[in-house]
Amino acid sequence: MDWRPLDHQPPRLAFTTTTGTALDPRNLNRALTMLCRRAKIRSVRVHDLRHTCASLMLAEGVAVRTIMETLGHSTITLDTYAHVMETTLREAAARMDDVLRDDTDKVSGKDDDPPALGMLNPV
């Protein structure tokens, strides 16, 4: 079942007041601060949660376009997420290394042989 706003609620609002109207962002941050205090955790802003969401999605290999659409951005500044991108790039390189080693092992039949030249430079 898909969630739909009530007839009196404006569409596409993630957070509303108890009467269904748009929530003032300052009130949302105040409510989040109170929840953090009650949970005895470090206080964060809603914007911090958006950044965390984007960082986690990047770390899990979600496409940048999907992240942009999820967060409602027309563009995304990847410099902000460079720490995540560095880790993701390392993981991608390790995966590529694994794939190339697996393919080489199948061709050579040995695990310790260097890759055949033809495998690295296809003609």
C-alpha atoms as a PDB file:
ATOM      1  CA  MET A   1       0.000   0.000   0.000  1.00  0.00           C
ATOM      2  CA  ASP A   2       1.419   3.386  -0.995  1.00  0.00           C
ATOM      3  CA  TRP A   3       1.377   6.248   1.463  1.00  0.00           C
ATOM      4  CA  ARG A   4      -0.789   9.170   0.377  1.00  0.00           C
ATOM      5  CA  PRO A   5      -1.392  12.500   2.096  1.00  0.00           C
ATOM      6  CA  LEU A   6      -4.798  13.186   3.560  1.00  0.00           C
ATOM      7  CA  ASP A   7      -7.069  15.427   1.519  1.00  0.00           C
ATOM      8  CA  HIS A   8      -6.199  18.507   3.613  1.00  0.00           C
ATOM      9  CA  GLN A   9      -2.409  17.874   3.479  1.00  0.00           C
ATOM     10  CA  PRO A  10      -0.133  19.414   0.859  1.00  0.00           C
ATOM     11  CA  PRO A  11       1.535  16.705  -1.278  1.00  0.00           C
ATOM     12  CA  ARG A  12       5.223  15.721  -1.040  1.00  0.00           C
ATOM     13  CA  LEU A  13       5.797  16.786   2.570  1.00  0.00           C
ATOM     14  CA  ALA A  14       7.976  14.445   4.607  1.00  0.00           C
ATOM     15  CA  PHE A  15       7.121  16.147   7.901  1.00  0.00           C
ATOM     16  CA  THR A  16       3.907  17.919   8.834  1.00  0.00           C
ATOM     17  CA  THR A  17       2.355  19.446  11.917  1.00  0.00           C
ATOM     18  CA  THR A  18      -0.334  17.499  13.754  1.00  0.00           C
ATOM     19  CA  THR A  19      -2.886  19.330  11.605  1.00  0.00           C
ATOM     20  CA  GLY A  20      -1.128  18.314   8.367  1.00  0.00           C
ATOM     21  CA  THR A  21       0.355  21.676   7.404  1.00  0.00           C
ATOM     22  CA  ALA A  22       3.968  22.353   6.467  1.00  0.00           C
ATOM     23  CA  LEU A  23       6.330  22.204   9.411  1.00  0.00           C
ATOM     24  CA  ASP A  24       8.617  25.120  10.152  1.00  0.00           C
ATOM     25  CA  PRO A  25      12.199  23.785   9.753  1.00  0.00           C
ATOM     26  CA  ARG A  26      13.240  25.387  13.055  1.00  0.00           C
ATOM     27  CA  ASN A  27      10.548  23.411  14.869  1.00  0.00           C
ATOM     28  CA  LEU A  28      11.756  20.216  13.238  1.00  0.00           C
ATOM     29  CA  ASN A  29      15.307  20.896  14.428  1.00  0.00           C
ATOM     30  CA  ARG A  30      14.026  21.683  17.930  1.00  0.00           C
ATOM     31  CA  ALA A  31      12.075  18.410  18.021  1.00  0.00           C
ATOM     32  CA  LEU A  32      15.128  16.489  16.786  1.00  0.00           C
ATOM     33  CA  THR A  33      17.282  18.146  19.464  1.00  0.00           C
ATOM     34  CA  MET A  34      14.805  17.070  22.156  1.00  0.00           C
ATOM     35  CA  LEU A  35      14.772  13.507  20.825  1.00  0.00           C
ATOM     36  CA  CYS A  36      18.585  13.410  20.851  1.00  0.00           C
ATOM     37  CA  ARG A  37      18.650  14.653  24.455  1.00  0.00           C
ATOM     38  CA  ARG A  38      16.118  12.034  25.511  1.00  0.00           C
ATOM     39  CA  ALA A  39      18.149   9.321  23.775  1.00  0.00           C
ATOM     40  CA  LYS A  40      21.329  10.736  25.368  1.00  0.00           C
ATOM     41  CA  ILE A  41      23.108  11.005  22.030  1.00  0.00           C
ATOM     42  CA  ARG A  42      24.928  13.870  20.338  1.00  0.00           C
ATOM     43  CA  SER A  43      22.564  16.477  18.947  1.00  0.00           C
ATOM     44  CA  VAL A  44      22.312  16.601  15.140  1.00  0.00           C
ATOM     45  CA  ARG A  45      20.453  18.757  12.653  1.00  0.00           C
ATOM     46  CA  VAL A  46      18.138  17.457   9.928  1.00  0.00           C
ATOM     47  CA  HIS A  47      20.736  18.592   7.408  1.00  0.00           C
ATOM     48  CA  ASP A  48      23.285  16.357   9.159  1.00  0.00           C
ATOM     49  CA  LEU A  49      20.926  13.409   8.684  1.00  0.00           C
ATOM     50  CA  ARG A  50      20.689  14.176   4.957  1.00  0.00           C
ATOM     51  CA  HIS A  51      24.495  14.188   4.741  1.00  0.00           C
ATOM     52  CA  THR A  52      24.645  10.900   6.632  1.00  0.00           C
ATOM     53  CA  CYS A  53      22.034   9.421   4.300  1.00  0.00           C
ATOM     54  CA  ALA A  54      24.035  10.450   1.216  1.00  0.00           C
ATOM     55  CA  SER A  55      27.296   9.161   2.716  1.00  0.00           C
ATOM     56  CA  LEU A  56      25.777   5.782   3.580  1.00  0.00           C
ATOM     57  CA  MET A  57      24.229   5.405   0.134  1.00  0.00           C
ATOM     58  CA  LEU A  58      27.554   6.270  -1.532  1.00  0.00           C
ATOM     59  CA  ALA A  59      29.360   3.785   0.693  1.00  0.00           C
ATOM     60  CA  GLU A  60      26.866   1.113  -0.331  1.00  0.00           C
ATOM     61  CA  GLY A  61      27.491   1.793  -4.026  1.00  0.00           C
ATOM     62  CA  VAL A  62      24.213   3.545  -4.809  1.00  0.00           C
ATOM     63  CA  ALA A  63      24.433   5.521  -8.057  1.00  0.00           C
ATOM     64  CA  VAL A  64      25.009   9.257  -7.627  1.00  0.00           C
ATOM     65  CA  ARG A  65      21.938  10.018  -9.775  1.00  0.00           C
ATOM     66  CA  THR A  66      19.755   7.931  -7.425  1.00  0.00           C
ATOM     67  CA  ILE A  67      21.183   9.721  -4.381  1.00  0.00           C
ATOM     68  CA  MET A  68      20.506  13.102  -5.992  1.00  0.00           C
ATOM     69  CA  GLU A  69      16.906  12.138  -6.686  1.00  0.00           C
ATOM     70  CA  THR A  70      16.426  10.685  -3.198  1.00  0.00           C
ATOM     71  CA  LEU A  71      17.659  13.905  -1.581  1.00  0.00           C
ATOM     72  CA  GLY A  72      15.857  16.142  -4.059  1.00  0.00           C
ATOM     73  CA  HIS A  73      19.048  17.705  -5.460  1.00  0.00           C
ATOM     74  CA  SER A  74      19.503  18.754  -9.081  1.00  0.00           C
ATOM     75  CA  THR A  75      23.263  18.330  -8.575  1.00  0.00           C
ATOM     76  CA  ILE A  76      25.446  16.931  -5.843  1.00  0.00           C
ATOM     77  CA  THR A  77      28.827  18.274  -4.791  1.00  0.00           C
ATOM     78  CA  LEU A  78      30.977  15.165  -4.588  1.00  0.00           C
ATOM     79  CA  ASP A  79      33.743  17.139  -2.859  1.00  0.00           C
ATOM     80  CA  THR A  80      31.534  17.020   0.235  1.00  0.00           C
ATOM     81  CA  TYR A  81      31.611  13.233   0.112  1.00  0.00           C
ATOM     82  CA  ALA A  82      35.277  12.791  -0.886  1.00  0.00           C
ATOM     83  CA  HIS A  83      36.002  10.682   2.208  1.00  0.00           C
ATOM     84  CA  VAL A  84      33.335   8.208   1.147  1.00  0.00           C
ATOM     85  CA  MET A  85      34.348   8.313  -2.503  1.00  0.00           C
ATOM     86  CA  GLU A  86      37.966   7.442  -1.635  1.00  0.00           C
ATOM     87  CA  THR A  87      36.849   4.321   0.215  1.00  0.00           C
ATOM     88  CA  THR A  88      34.396   3.420  -2.537  1.00  0.00           C
ATOM     89  CA  LEU A  89      37.074   3.836  -5.204  1.00  0.00           C
ATOM     90  CA  ARG A  90      39.431   1.564  -3.266  1.00  0.00           C
ATOM     91  CA  GLU A  91      36.704  -1.064  -3.005  1.00  0.00           C
ATOM     92  CA  ALA A  92      35.952  -0.755  -6.731  1.00  0.00           C
ATOM     93  CA  ALA A  93      39.650  -1.210  -7.540  1.00  0.00           C
ATOM     94  CA  ALA A  94      39.813  -4.277  -5.278  1.00  0.00           C
ATOM     95  CA  ARG A  95      36.759  -5.753  -7.003  1.00  0.00           C
ATOM     96  CA  MET A  96      38.295  -5.137 -10.424  1.00  0.00           C
ATOM     97  CA  ASP A  97      41.489  -6.781  -9.203  1.00  0.00           C
ATOM     98  CA  ASP A  98      39.476  -9.805  -8.030  1.00  0.00           C
ATOM     99  CA  VAL A  99      37.672 -10.056 -11.379  1.00  0.00           C
ATOM    100  CA  LEU A 100      40.905  -9.846 -13.355  1.00  0.00           C
ATOM    101  CA  ARG A 101      42.599 -12.401 -11.115  1.00  0.00           C
ATOM    102  CA  ASP A 102      39.631 -14.770 -11.430  1.00  0.00           C
ATOM    103  CA  ASP A 103      39.649 -14.477 -15.223  1.00  0.00           C
ATOM    104  CA  THR A 104      43.420 -14.987 -15.339  1.00  0.00           C
ATOM    105  CA  ASP A 105      43.171 -18.036 -13.092  1.00  0.00           C
ATOM    106  CA  LYS A 106      40.599 -19.568 -15.438  1.00  0.00           C
ATOM    107  CA  VAL A 107      42.848 -19.016 -18.466  1.00  0.00           C
ATOM    108  CA  SER A 108      46.144 -20.099 -16.874  1.00  0.00           C
ATOM    109  CA  GLY A 109      44.800 -22.757 -14.541  1.00  0.00           C
ATOM    110  CA  LYS A 110      47.123 -21.504 -11.783  1.00  0.00           C
ATOM    111  CA  ASP A 111      46.698 -19.050  -8.955  1.00  0.00           C
ATOM    112  CA  ASP A 112      50.277 -17.719  -8.813  1.00  0.00           C
ATOM    113  CA  ASP A 113      50.884 -17.030 -12.509  1.00  0.00           C
ATOM    114  CA  PRO A 114      51.024 -13.404 -13.621  1.00  0.00           C
ATOM    115  CA  PRO A 115      48.191 -12.489 -16.010  1.00  0.00           C
ATOM    116  CA  ALA A 116      48.705 -13.357 -19.644  1.00  0.00           C
ATOM    117  CA  LEU A 117      49.622 -10.344 -21.751  1.00  0.00           C
ATOM    118  CA  GLY A 118      46.584 -10.870 -23.961  1.00  0.00           C
ATOM    119  CA  MET A 119      44.312 -10.570 -20.910  1.00  0.00           C
ATOM    120  CA  LEU A 120      45.642  -7.095 -20.134  1.00  0.00           C
ATOM    121  CA  ASN A 121      45.885  -5.737 -23.680  1.00  0.00           C
ATOM    122  CA  PRO A 122      43.094  -7.152 -25.813  1.00  0.00           C
ATOM    123  CA  VAL A 123      43.672  -6.716 -29.536  1.00  0.00           C
END
